[in-house]
């Protein structure tokens, strides 16, 4: 089981046969061309494992195959069998201590970053849950793309540098008109609000980028919809993004400056409609709701022409108290 066959070199290597010694210097060929020192040799069921330290970066590496330099073929670790080089044992001990200190510093830094990210996400979970409508089936986001392509090697790729939450959707359809509607919510994407057929990209095929609005998928800003399948999972997905308040650009109407009464806690909202606490278990919306009746119905509202409020019979929409947060968001009152 310790045998390894190098297909390109057409050679079999016995990994159980030790080829170098502790403190011996070897080198990497065909990749970084760095030099390493062997600081420990371990035997296991698969053969021998060599523990290495990079002399330049002071990083740890391991390998189970080291070949003679005179038989060089391809990328790998090699030793010079004709002019073997060794480091002083004391120098290797010092190098090992430096490498361990560097590794610990990197681990400490990684742990601090993990703690920082979790603190940001902790804030983001609460912040996002507060603005996330219960009936949302999609999130409209703007993403800043960076071009990571290398034309010389025919490598084409991009990475996302920033994500901005600019709106919510009550359906799962990909509509460019909806993306354009939310584009003005963020100053960097205002230009995408204007109709431009060249900005409409439909790539719903294998390896495609889906539907997105933008000049290019490789660089600059694009707008797309992220579907909501599970509310809890979506909150977790956007927790870090929402942890930075600058990443949320949701258009909300100004809160009306009118006094509240015990039964009129939320005040007036969209188009003069009035959202009130109707009872301990219900919320009601009064006013000229004709223009928004379909939206109110979609949010779970039921129209009733004979509601009683402040001693008067009024026509309005009645909702379960569980829809209070969603309605407050819709009317721009939260």
Protein backbone atom coordinates (compact mmCIF):
# COMPACT_ATOMS: atom_id res chain seq x y z
CA UNK A 1 0.00 0.00 0.00
CA UNK A 2 3.04 2.29 0.31
CA UNK A 3 3.68 2.19 -3.46
CA UNK A 4 2.80 5.25 -5.52
CA UNK A 5 2.91 5.35 -9.33
CA UNK A 6 3.76 8.65 -11.00
CA UNK A 7 1.92 8.41 -14.29
CA UNK A 8 3.66 11.29 -16.08
CA UNK A 9 7.12 10.16 -15.01
CA UNK A 10 6.22 6.50 -15.63
CA UNK A 11 7.87 5.59 -12.36
CA UNK A 12 6.88 3.76 -9.18
CA UNK A 13 7.82 5.29 -5.81
CA UNK A 14 8.06 3.37 -2.55
CA UNK A 15 6.86 5.81 0.12
CA UNK A 16 8.09 3.49 2.89
CA UNK A 17 11.71 4.03 1.83
CA UNK A 18 13.28 7.03 3.55
CA UNK A 19 15.19 9.20 1.07
CA UNK A 20 16.22 12.29 3.11
CA UNK A 21 17.26 13.05 6.70
CA UNK A 22 16.09 15.43 9.39
CA UNK A 23 17.60 18.95 8.91
CA UNK A 24 18.16 18.27 5.19
CA UNK A 25 17.29 21.05 2.76
CA UNK A 26 15.09 20.18 -0.22
CA UNK A 27 13.37 22.31 -2.83
CA UNK A 28 10.13 22.69 -4.72
CA UNK A 29 10.41 22.56 -8.50
CA UNK A 30 7.94 23.64 -11.15
CA UNK A 31 5.78 25.84 -8.92
CA UNK A 32 7.21 28.18 -6.28
CA UNK A 33 10.85 27.06 -6.43
CA UNK A 34 11.03 27.61 -2.65
CA UNK A 35 13.45 25.75 -0.41
CA UNK A 36 12.38 23.72 2.64
CA UNK A 37 14.02 22.04 5.58
CA UNK A 38 12.88 18.65 6.91
CA UNK A 39 12.31 19.11 10.65
CA UNK A 40 10.59 15.77 11.42
CA UNK A 41 10.06 12.38 9.80
CA UNK A 42 7.09 10.20 10.75
CA UNK A 43 6.17 6.63 9.82
CA UNK A 44 2.59 5.48 9.34
CA UNK A 45 0.60 2.74 7.60
CA UNK A 46 1.01 4.50 4.27
CA UNK A 47 4.76 4.93 4.50
CA UNK A 48 6.81 7.93 5.57
CA UNK A 49 5.63 11.50 6.01
CA UNK A 50 8.11 14.36 5.90
CA UNK A 51 7.31 17.51 7.86
CA UNK A 52 8.74 20.63 6.24
CA UNK A 53 9.23 24.34 6.93
CA UNK A 54 9.38 26.84 4.08
CA UNK A 55 12.63 28.77 4.51
CA UNK A 56 11.14 31.90 2.92
CA UNK A 57 7.61 32.05 4.36
CA UNK A 58 8.15 30.00 7.54
CA UNK A 59 5.00 28.01 6.74
CA UNK A 60 4.50 24.33 7.50
CA UNK A 61 4.05 21.70 4.79
CA UNK A 62 3.99 17.90 4.62
CA UNK A 63 4.74 15.46 1.85
CA UNK A 64 5.19 11.71 1.45
CA UNK A 65 7.14 11.83 -1.82
CA UNK A 66 10.52 13.49 -2.35
CA UNK A 67 12.40 12.58 -5.51
CA UNK A 68 16.04 12.98 -6.55
CA UNK A 69 16.75 16.15 -8.51
CA UNK A 70 18.60 14.23 -11.22
CA UNK A 71 15.30 12.49 -12.06
CA UNK A 72 13.34 15.72 -12.17
CA UNK A 73 9.97 15.46 -13.89
CA UNK A 74 7.13 17.90 -13.26
CA UNK A 75 6.06 19.74 -10.13
CA UNK A 76 7.16 18.27 -6.81
CA UNK A 77 9.64 18.16 -3.95
CA UNK A 78 13.22 17.21 -4.86
CA UNK A 79 16.47 16.55 -3.02
CA UNK A 80 19.97 16.87 -4.40
CA UNK A 81 21.45 13.37 -4.03
CA UNK A 82 24.87 14.50 -5.27
CA UNK A 83 25.28 17.67 -3.20
CA UNK A 84 23.14 17.19 -0.11
CA UNK A 85 22.57 20.31 2.00
CA UNK A 86 21.86 20.36 5.72
CA UNK A 87 21.04 23.08 8.21
CA UNK A 88 22.53 23.25 11.67
CA UNK A 89 20.23 21.53 14.18
CA UNK A 90 20.12 24.64 16.37
CA UNK A 91 19.11 26.79 13.39
CA UNK A 92 16.29 24.37 12.62
CA UNK A 93 15.05 24.59 16.23
CA UNK A 94 15.01 28.39 16.01
CA UNK A 95 13.24 28.21 12.63
CA UNK A 96 10.68 25.78 14.06
CA UNK A 97 9.95 28.16 16.95
CA UNK A 98 9.50 31.07 14.53
CA UNK A 99 7.19 28.99 12.34
CA UNK A 100 5.12 27.95 15.37
CA UNK A 101 4.85 31.54 16.55
CA UNK A 102 3.75 32.63 13.09
CA UNK A 103 1.15 29.88 12.90
CA UNK A 104 -0.21 30.78 16.35
CA UNK A 105 -0.39 34.45 15.39
CA UNK A 106 -2.34 33.53 12.25
CA UNK A 107 -4.69 31.32 14.27
CA UNK A 108 -5.24 34.10 16.82
CA UNK A 109 -5.94 36.56 14.02
CA UNK A 110 -8.37 34.11 12.41
CA UNK A 111 -10.15 33.62 15.75
CA UNK A 112 -10.43 37.39 16.26
CA UNK A 113 -11.87 37.71 12.76
CA UNK A 114 -14.35 34.91 13.48
CA UNK A 115 -15.47 36.71 16.65
CA UNK A 116 -15.77 40.01 14.75
CA UNK A 117 -17.85 38.41 11.99
CA UNK A 118 -20.15 36.75 14.53
CA UNK A 119 -20.69 40.06 16.33
CA UNK A 120 -21.60 41.72 13.04
CA UNK A 121 -23.94 38.85 12.17
CA UNK A 122 -25.57 39.04 15.60
CA UNK A 123 -26.52 42.66 14.90
CA UNK A 124 -27.44 41.84 11.31
CA UNK A 125 -29.85 39.04 12.24
CA UNK A 126 -31.93 41.41 14.36
CA UNK A 127 -31.72 44.29 11.89
CA UNK A 128 -32.65 42.18 8.88
CA UNK A 129 -35.50 40.38 10.66
CA UNK A 130 -37.03 43.77 11.49
CA UNK A 131 -37.23 44.86 7.84
CA UNK A 132 -37.86 41.42 6.30
CA UNK A 133 -41.58 41.20 5.40
CA UNK A 134 -43.29 37.97 6.42
CA UNK A 135 -44.70 37.52 2.91
CA UNK A 136 -41.46 38.27 1.03
CA UNK A 137 -40.63 35.65 -1.59
CA UNK A 138 -37.60 37.41 -2.98
CA UNK A 139 -34.93 39.95 -2.06
CA UNK A 140 -33.75 42.52 -4.58
CA UNK A 141 -30.01 43.07 -4.20
CA UNK A 142 -27.33 45.09 -5.90
CA UNK A 143 -23.91 43.48 -6.18
CA UNK A 144 -20.59 45.08 -7.00
CA UNK A 145 -18.61 42.74 -9.24
CA UNK A 146 -14.85 42.66 -9.71
CA UNK A 147 -13.30 41.20 -12.82
CA UNK A 148 -10.89 38.38 -11.91
CA UNK A 149 -10.38 37.18 -15.47
CA UNK A 150 -7.04 36.49 -17.14
CA UNK A 151 -7.41 36.73 -20.90
CA UNK A 152 -3.92 35.37 -21.51
CA UNK A 153 -4.90 32.03 -19.98
CA UNK A 154 -8.54 32.13 -21.16
CA UNK A 155 -9.66 32.28 -17.53
CA UNK A 156 -12.88 34.21 -17.00
CA UNK A 157 -14.28 34.82 -13.53
CA UNK A 158 -15.62 37.49 -11.22
CA UNK A 159 -16.03 38.02 -7.50
CA UNK A 160 -18.57 39.99 -5.46
CA UNK A 161 -17.03 42.85 -3.51
CA UNK A 162 -20.19 44.20 -1.91
CA UNK A 163 -23.90 43.37 -1.66
CA UNK A 164 -26.62 45.95 -0.99
CA UNK A 165 -30.22 45.11 -0.03
CA UNK A 166 -32.43 47.46 -2.03
CA UNK A 167 -35.90 45.88 -1.88
CA UNK A 168 -38.22 42.94 -1.35
CA UNK A 169 -40.58 41.08 -3.65
CA UNK A 170 -43.82 39.23 -3.01
CA UNK A 171 -43.35 36.82 -5.90
CA UNK A 172 -40.57 34.65 -7.34
CA UNK A 173 -40.73 35.81 -10.94
CA UNK A 174 -37.65 37.48 -12.39
CA UNK A 175 -38.90 40.82 -13.72
CA UNK A 176 -36.49 43.43 -14.99
CA UNK A 177 -39.16 46.08 -14.47
CA UNK A 178 -39.13 45.22 -10.76
CA UNK A 179 -35.34 45.44 -10.63
CA UNK A 180 -35.47 48.85 -12.33
CA UNK A 181 -38.10 49.99 -9.83
CA UNK A 182 -35.71 49.40 -6.91
CA UNK A 183 -32.57 50.66 -8.68
CA UNK A 184 -32.99 54.29 -7.48
CA UNK A 185 -32.89 53.14 -3.84
CA UNK A 186 -29.09 53.09 -4.04
CA UNK A 187 -27.17 55.96 -5.59
CA UNK A 188 -24.66 53.70 -7.35
CA UNK A 189 -27.43 51.87 -9.27
CA UNK A 190 -29.70 54.82 -10.15
CA UNK A 191 -28.64 54.60 -13.80
CA UNK A 192 -30.07 51.06 -14.00
CA UNK A 193 -33.59 52.46 -13.46
CA UNK A 194 -33.66 53.62 -17.08
CA UNK A 195 -34.76 51.01 -19.59
CA UNK A 196 -31.86 49.59 -21.55
CA UNK A 197 -32.39 46.29 -23.29
CA UNK A 198 -28.65 45.65 -23.36
CA UNK A 199 -28.64 45.59 -19.55
CA UNK A 200 -31.19 42.75 -19.38
CA UNK A 201 -29.32 39.45 -19.09
CA UNK A 202 -31.16 36.13 -19.20
CA UNK A 203 -28.76 33.31 -18.35
CA UNK A 204 -30.97 30.66 -16.79
CA UNK A 205 -29.00 27.74 -18.12
CA UNK A 206 -26.28 25.48 -16.83
CA UNK A 207 -23.28 27.53 -15.66
CA UNK A 208 -25.24 30.74 -16.35
CA UNK A 209 -25.65 33.66 -13.93
CA UNK A 210 -29.45 33.73 -14.02
CA UNK A 211 -31.41 36.93 -14.57
CA UNK A 212 -29.53 40.11 -13.72
CA UNK A 213 -29.67 43.76 -14.67
CA UNK A 214 -26.39 45.46 -15.43
CA UNK A 215 -23.80 46.39 -17.99
CA UNK A 216 -21.56 43.38 -17.35
CA UNK A 217 -21.50 40.39 -15.04
CA UNK A 218 -17.73 40.73 -14.69
CA UNK A 219 -17.42 44.27 -13.35
CA UNK A 220 -19.54 47.09 -11.99
CA UNK A 221 -22.94 46.96 -10.35
CA UNK A 222 -25.66 44.45 -11.18
CA UNK A 223 -29.15 43.95 -9.73
CA UNK A 224 -30.72 40.54 -9.24
CA UNK A 225 -33.36 38.76 -7.18
CA UNK A 226 -32.51 36.23 -4.49
CA UNK A 227 -35.43 33.81 -3.94
CA UNK A 228 -36.62 33.10 -0.39
CA UNK A 229 -37.17 29.40 0.31
CA UNK A 230 -36.75 29.38 4.08
CA UNK A 231 -37.10 32.54 6.16
CA UNK A 232 -34.71 31.48 8.92
CA UNK A 233 -32.05 30.40 6.45
CA UNK A 234 -32.41 33.64 4.49
CA UNK A 235 -31.97 35.74 7.62
CA UNK A 236 -28.77 33.84 8.36
CA UNK A 237 -27.60 34.27 4.75
CA UNK A 238 -28.01 38.06 4.93
CA UNK A 239 -26.97 38.49 8.57
CA UNK A 240 -23.43 39.66 7.84
CA UNK A 241 -24.55 41.97 5.03
CA UNK A 242 -27.26 43.54 7.22
CA UNK A 243 -24.77 43.89 10.06
CA UNK A 244 -23.48 46.97 8.24
CA UNK A 245 -26.27 49.54 8.07
CA UNK A 246 -24.70 51.02 4.93
CA UNK A 247 -25.63 47.83 3.09
CA UNK A 248 -29.37 48.44 3.48
CA UNK A 249 -31.03 50.92 1.14
CA UNK A 250 -34.76 50.32 1.41
CA UNK A 251 -37.05 53.15 0.35
CA UNK A 252 -39.48 54.03 3.12
CA UNK A 253 -42.03 56.79 3.37
CA UNK A 254 -41.58 59.31 6.14
CA UNK A 255 -43.51 58.64 9.28
CA UNK A 256 -46.44 61.05 9.67
CA UNK A 257 -46.14 63.50 12.51
CA UNK A 258 -49.54 62.98 14.13
CA UNK A 259 -50.38 62.12 17.71
CA UNK A 260 -51.18 58.51 18.50
CA UNK A 261 -54.13 57.32 20.54
CA UNK A 262 -54.50 53.94 22.27
CA UNK A 263 -56.43 52.57 19.30
CA UNK A 264 -54.48 54.55 16.66
CA UNK A 265 -50.92 53.47 17.39
CA UNK A 266 -49.42 53.51 13.93
CA UNK A 267 -50.94 56.57 12.28
CA UNK A 268 -51.41 57.28 8.57
CA UNK A 269 -49.53 55.54 5.85
CA UNK A 270 -49.56 55.09 2.08
CA UNK A 271 -51.96 57.31 0.07
CA UNK A 272 -53.66 58.57 3.23
CA UNK A 273 -54.71 55.11 4.38
CA UNK A 274 -54.80 54.63 8.11
CA UNK A 275 -53.40 51.58 9.92
CA UNK A 276 -54.77 51.10 13.44
CA UNK A 277 -54.72 48.58 16.25
CA UNK A 278 -58.28 47.27 15.97
CA UNK A 279 -58.13 44.89 18.92
CA UNK A 280 -55.66 42.82 20.90
CA UNK A 281 -55.57 40.29 18.06
CA UNK A 282 -56.26 42.37 14.96
CA UNK A 283 -54.98 45.27 12.87
CA UNK A 284 -57.24 47.29 10.56
CA UNK A 285 -56.59 49.56 7.60
CA UNK A 286 -59.07 52.35 6.75
CA UNK A 287 -59.22 54.91 3.97
CA UNK A 288 -59.29 54.88 0.18
CA UNK A 289 -57.74 51.44 -0.32
CA UNK A 290 -59.01 50.80 -3.84
CA UNK A 291 -55.60 51.37 -5.45
CA UNK A 292 -53.85 48.95 -3.09
CA UNK A 293 -56.59 46.36 -2.53
CA UNK A 294 -54.71 43.60 -4.36
CA UNK A 295 -51.63 44.16 -2.21
CA UNK A 296 -53.66 44.21 0.99
CA UNK A 297 -55.34 40.98 -0.01
CA UNK A 298 -51.98 39.40 -0.80
CA UNK A 299 -50.82 40.27 2.71
CA UNK A 300 -53.69 38.28 4.18
CA UNK A 301 -56.24 41.07 4.62
CA UNK A 302 -60.02 40.60 4.49
CA UNK A 303 -62.31 43.43 3.43
CA UNK A 304 -65.25 44.22 5.72
CA UNK A 305 -67.72 47.00 4.96
CA UNK A 306 -69.10 47.14 8.52
CA UNK A 307 -66.16 47.52 10.87
CA UNK A 308 -66.62 49.61 14.01
CA UNK A 309 -63.94 52.11 14.98
CA UNK A 310 -64.21 54.99 17.46
CA UNK A 311 -67.98 54.41 17.63
CA UNK A 312 -68.44 54.67 13.86
CA UNK A 313 -69.22 52.13 11.16
CA UNK A 314 -66.41 52.09 8.62
CA UNK A 315 -65.36 49.97 5.65
CA UNK A 316 -61.85 48.62 5.91
CA UNK A 317 -59.44 45.72 5.84
CA UNK A 318 -58.86 43.49 8.83
CA UNK A 319 -55.60 41.61 9.48
CA UNK A 320 -54.25 39.20 12.05
CA UNK A 321 -51.95 40.84 14.63
CA UNK A 322 -49.17 38.62 13.27
CA UNK A 323 -49.14 40.79 10.11
CA UNK A 324 -48.44 43.99 12.07
CA UNK A 325 -44.73 44.12 11.24
CA UNK A 326 -45.34 43.41 7.56
CA UNK A 327 -48.00 46.14 7.36
CA UNK A 328 -45.81 48.63 9.22
CA UNK A 329 -43.05 48.01 6.71
CA UNK A 330 -45.45 48.33 3.77
CA UNK A 331 -46.81 51.65 5.02
CA UNK A 332 -43.34 52.91 5.90
CA UNK A 333 -44.09 53.18 9.60
CA UNK A 334 -41.43 50.97 11.20
